[in-house]
Amino acid sequence: MTCPFCRAGTGEGALVCASCGRDIAAPATLIAERDDLLRKRQELRDELKRARDEAEAIMRRGRSR
């Protein structure tokens, strides 16, 4: 098992992370939801970066005319 907070390896069935000391007895559904939200956040960050890059390219083309 991996600690959902510090990502340190922990023993199966551990209630507290030996590395960071946090309670890791979180239900699997919460961990799955957190992972899904992290994935969605990264997708949004990637989309925002593409939009910024596109806007910058448009601005550069406008200045070069």
N, C-alpha and C. Protein backbone atom coordinates (compact mmCIF):
# COMPACT_ATOMS: atom_id res chain seq x y z
N MET A 1 0.84 -1.17 0.00
CA MET A 1 0.00 0.00 0.00
C MET A 1 0.89 1.25 0.00
N THR A 2 0.41 2.30 -0.60
CA THR A 2 1.14 3.56 -0.66
C THR A 2 0.38 4.62 0.12
N CYS A 3 1.11 5.42 0.89
CA CYS A 3 0.48 6.50 1.64
C CYS A 3 -0.11 7.50 0.65
N PRO A 4 -1.41 7.86 0.80
CA PRO A 4 -2.02 8.79 -0.14
C PRO A 4 -1.52 10.22 0.02
N PHE A 5 -0.78 10.50 1.07
CA PHE A 5 -0.31 11.86 1.33
C PHE A 5 1.14 12.06 0.89
N CYS A 6 2.04 11.19 1.33
CA CYS A 6 3.46 11.37 1.01
C CYS A 6 3.98 10.36 0.00
N ARG A 7 3.12 9.42 -0.38
CA ARG A 7 3.45 8.39 -1.37
C ARG A 7 4.52 7.39 -0.91
N ALA A 8 4.80 7.36 0.37
CA ALA A 8 5.75 6.37 0.90
C ALA A 8 5.08 5.01 0.93
N GLY A 9 5.87 3.98 0.76
CA GLY A 9 5.34 2.64 0.86
C GLY A 9 5.02 2.29 2.30
N THR A 10 3.88 1.70 2.54
CA THR A 10 3.49 1.28 3.88
C THR A 10 3.06 -0.17 3.83
N GLY A 11 3.01 -0.79 4.96
CA GLY A 11 2.57 -2.18 5.02
C GLY A 11 1.07 -2.28 4.79
N GLU A 12 0.66 -3.39 4.22
CA GLU A 12 -0.78 -3.61 4.00
C GLU A 12 -1.49 -3.59 5.35
N GLY A 13 -2.61 -2.90 5.39
CA GLY A 13 -3.40 -2.82 6.60
C GLY A 13 -2.91 -1.80 7.62
N ALA A 14 -1.88 -1.05 7.28
CA ALA A 14 -1.37 -0.03 8.22
C ALA A 14 -2.42 1.05 8.40
N LEU A 15 -2.52 1.56 9.61
CA LEU A 15 -3.48 2.61 9.92
C LEU A 15 -2.84 4.00 9.90
N VAL A 16 -1.50 4.04 10.14
CA VAL A 16 -0.75 5.29 10.19
C VAL A 16 0.49 5.12 9.33
N CYS A 17 0.83 6.14 8.55
CA CYS A 17 2.03 6.09 7.72
C CYS A 17 3.27 6.22 8.59
N ALA A 18 4.21 5.31 8.41
CA ALA A 18 5.45 5.35 9.19
C ALA A 18 6.33 6.52 8.76
N SER A 19 6.14 7.01 7.55
CA SER A 19 6.97 8.09 7.04
C SER A 19 6.47 9.47 7.48
N CYS A 20 5.20 9.77 7.24
CA CYS A 20 4.68 11.11 7.55
C CYS A 20 3.80 11.15 8.79
N GLY A 21 3.42 9.99 9.31
CA GLY A 21 2.64 9.92 10.54
C GLY A 21 1.16 10.22 10.39
N ARG A 22 0.69 10.36 9.16
CA ARG A 22 -0.73 10.68 8.95
C ARG A 22 -1.58 9.42 8.96
N ASP A 23 -2.84 9.62 9.32
CA ASP A 23 -3.82 8.54 9.34
C ASP A 23 -4.09 8.12 7.90
N ILE A 24 -3.84 6.87 7.59
CA ILE A 24 -4.04 6.40 6.21
C ILE A 24 -5.18 5.39 6.11
N ALA A 25 -6.01 5.38 7.12
CA ALA A 25 -7.14 4.46 7.12
C ALA A 25 -8.32 5.07 6.36
N ALA A 26 -8.03 5.78 5.29
CA ALA A 26 -9.08 6.41 4.48
C ALA A 26 -9.77 5.35 3.63
N PRO A 27 -11.07 5.48 3.46
CA PRO A 27 -11.78 4.52 2.62
C PRO A 27 -11.27 4.56 1.17
N ALA A 28 -11.27 3.43 0.54
CA ALA A 28 -10.79 3.32 -0.84
C ALA A 28 -11.57 4.23 -1.78
N THR A 29 -12.84 4.45 -1.49
CA THR A 29 -13.64 5.32 -2.36
C THR A 29 -13.14 6.75 -2.33
N LEU A 30 -12.70 7.21 -1.16
CA LEU A 30 -12.15 8.58 -1.07
C LEU A 30 -10.82 8.69 -1.81
N ILE A 31 -10.02 7.67 -1.72
CA ILE A 31 -8.74 7.68 -2.41
C ILE A 31 -8.97 7.67 -3.92
N ALA A 32 -9.94 6.86 -4.37
CA ALA A 32 -10.26 6.81 -5.80
C ALA A 32 -10.80 8.16 -6.27
N GLU A 33 -11.63 8.80 -5.46
CA GLU A 33 -12.17 10.11 -5.82
C GLU A 33 -11.06 11.15 -5.89
N ARG A 34 -10.13 11.10 -4.94
CA ARG A 34 -8.99 12.02 -4.95
C ARG A 34 -8.15 11.82 -6.22
N ASP A 35 -7.89 10.58 -6.56
CA ASP A 35 -7.10 10.30 -7.76
C ASP A 35 -7.80 10.82 -9.01
N ASP A 36 -9.12 10.66 -9.06
CA ASP A 36 -9.89 11.16 -10.20
C ASP A 36 -9.82 12.68 -10.28
N LEU A 37 -9.94 13.35 -9.14
CA LEU A 37 -9.85 14.81 -9.11
C LEU A 37 -8.45 15.30 -9.51
N LEU A 38 -7.42 14.60 -9.09
CA LEU A 38 -6.05 14.97 -9.48
C LEU A 38 -5.87 14.82 -10.99
N ARG A 39 -6.45 13.75 -11.56
CA ARG A 39 -6.36 13.53 -13.00
C ARG A 39 -7.08 14.65 -13.75
N LYS A 40 -8.28 15.00 -13.28
CA LYS A 40 -9.05 16.07 -13.92
C LYS A 40 -8.33 17.41 -13.80
N ARG A 41 -7.72 17.66 -12.65
CA ARG A 41 -6.97 18.91 -12.47
C ARG A 41 -5.83 18.99 -13.48
N GLN A 42 -5.12 17.89 -13.68
CA GLN A 42 -4.02 17.89 -14.65
C GLN A 42 -4.53 18.11 -16.07
N GLU A 43 -5.65 17.50 -16.40
CA GLU A 43 -6.24 17.70 -17.73
C GLU A 43 -6.59 19.18 -17.94
N LEU A 44 -7.16 19.82 -16.92
CA LEU A 44 -7.50 21.24 -17.02
C LEU A 44 -6.25 22.10 -17.14
N ARG A 45 -5.21 21.76 -16.41
CA ARG A 45 -3.94 22.50 -16.52
C ARG A 45 -3.36 22.37 -17.92
N ASP A 46 -3.42 21.16 -18.47
CA ASP A 46 -2.92 20.95 -19.83
C ASP A 46 -3.74 21.74 -20.85
N GLU A 47 -5.06 21.75 -20.68
CA GLU A 47 -5.93 22.50 -21.57
C GLU A 47 -5.65 24.00 -21.48
N LEU A 48 -5.45 24.50 -20.28
CA LEU A 48 -5.14 25.91 -20.09
C LEU A 48 -3.80 26.27 -20.74
N LYS A 49 -2.81 25.40 -20.61
CA LYS A 49 -1.51 25.66 -21.24
C LYS A 49 -1.65 25.72 -22.76
N ARG A 50 -2.42 24.80 -23.33
CA ARG A 50 -2.62 24.82 -24.78
C ARG A 50 -3.32 26.12 -25.21
N ALA A 51 -4.32 26.54 -24.44
CA ALA A 51 -5.03 27.78 -24.77
C ALA A 51 -4.11 28.99 -24.66
N ARG A 52 -3.28 29.03 -23.63
CA ARG A 52 -2.32 30.13 -23.48
C ARG A 52 -1.33 30.15 -24.64
N ASP A 53 -0.82 28.97 -25.00
CA ASP A 53 0.13 28.89 -26.11
C ASP A 53 -0.51 29.37 -27.41
N GLU A 54 -1.76 28.98 -27.62
CA GLU A 54 -2.48 29.39 -28.82
C GLU A 54 -2.71 30.91 -28.82
N ALA A 55 -3.08 31.46 -27.67
CA ALA A 55 -3.30 32.91 -27.58
C ALA A 55 -2.00 33.67 -27.82
N GLU A 56 -0.90 33.17 -27.28
CA GLU A 56 0.39 33.82 -27.50
C GLU A 56 0.79 33.78 -28.97
N ALA A 57 0.52 32.66 -29.63
CA ALA A 57 0.84 32.53 -31.05
C ALA A 57 0.02 33.53 -31.87
N ILE A 58 -1.25 33.70 -31.52
CA ILE A 58 -2.10 34.65 -32.22
C ILE A 58 -1.59 36.07 -32.00
N MET A 59 -1.20 36.37 -30.77
CA MET A 59 -0.67 37.71 -30.46
C MET A 59 0.61 37.97 -31.24
N ARG A 60 1.48 36.98 -31.33
CA ARG A 60 2.75 37.15 -32.08
C ARG A 60 2.47 37.40 -33.56
N ARG A 61 1.49 36.65 -34.11
CA ARG A 61 1.16 36.84 -35.53
C ARG A 61 0.61 38.24 -35.76
N GLY A 62 -0.17 38.74 -34.81
CA GLY A 62 -0.75 40.09 -34.93
C GLY A 62 0.32 41.17 -34.90
N ARG A 63 1.34 40.97 -34.10
CA ARG A 63 2.43 41.95 -33.98
C ARG A 63 3.34 41.95 -35.21
N SER A 64 3.45 40.81 -35.86
CA SER A 64 4.38 40.71 -36.98
C SER A 64 3.81 41.28 -38.26
N ARG A 65 2.57 41.66 -38.26
CA ARG A 65 1.95 42.21 -39.47
C ARG A 65 2.26 43.66 -39.65
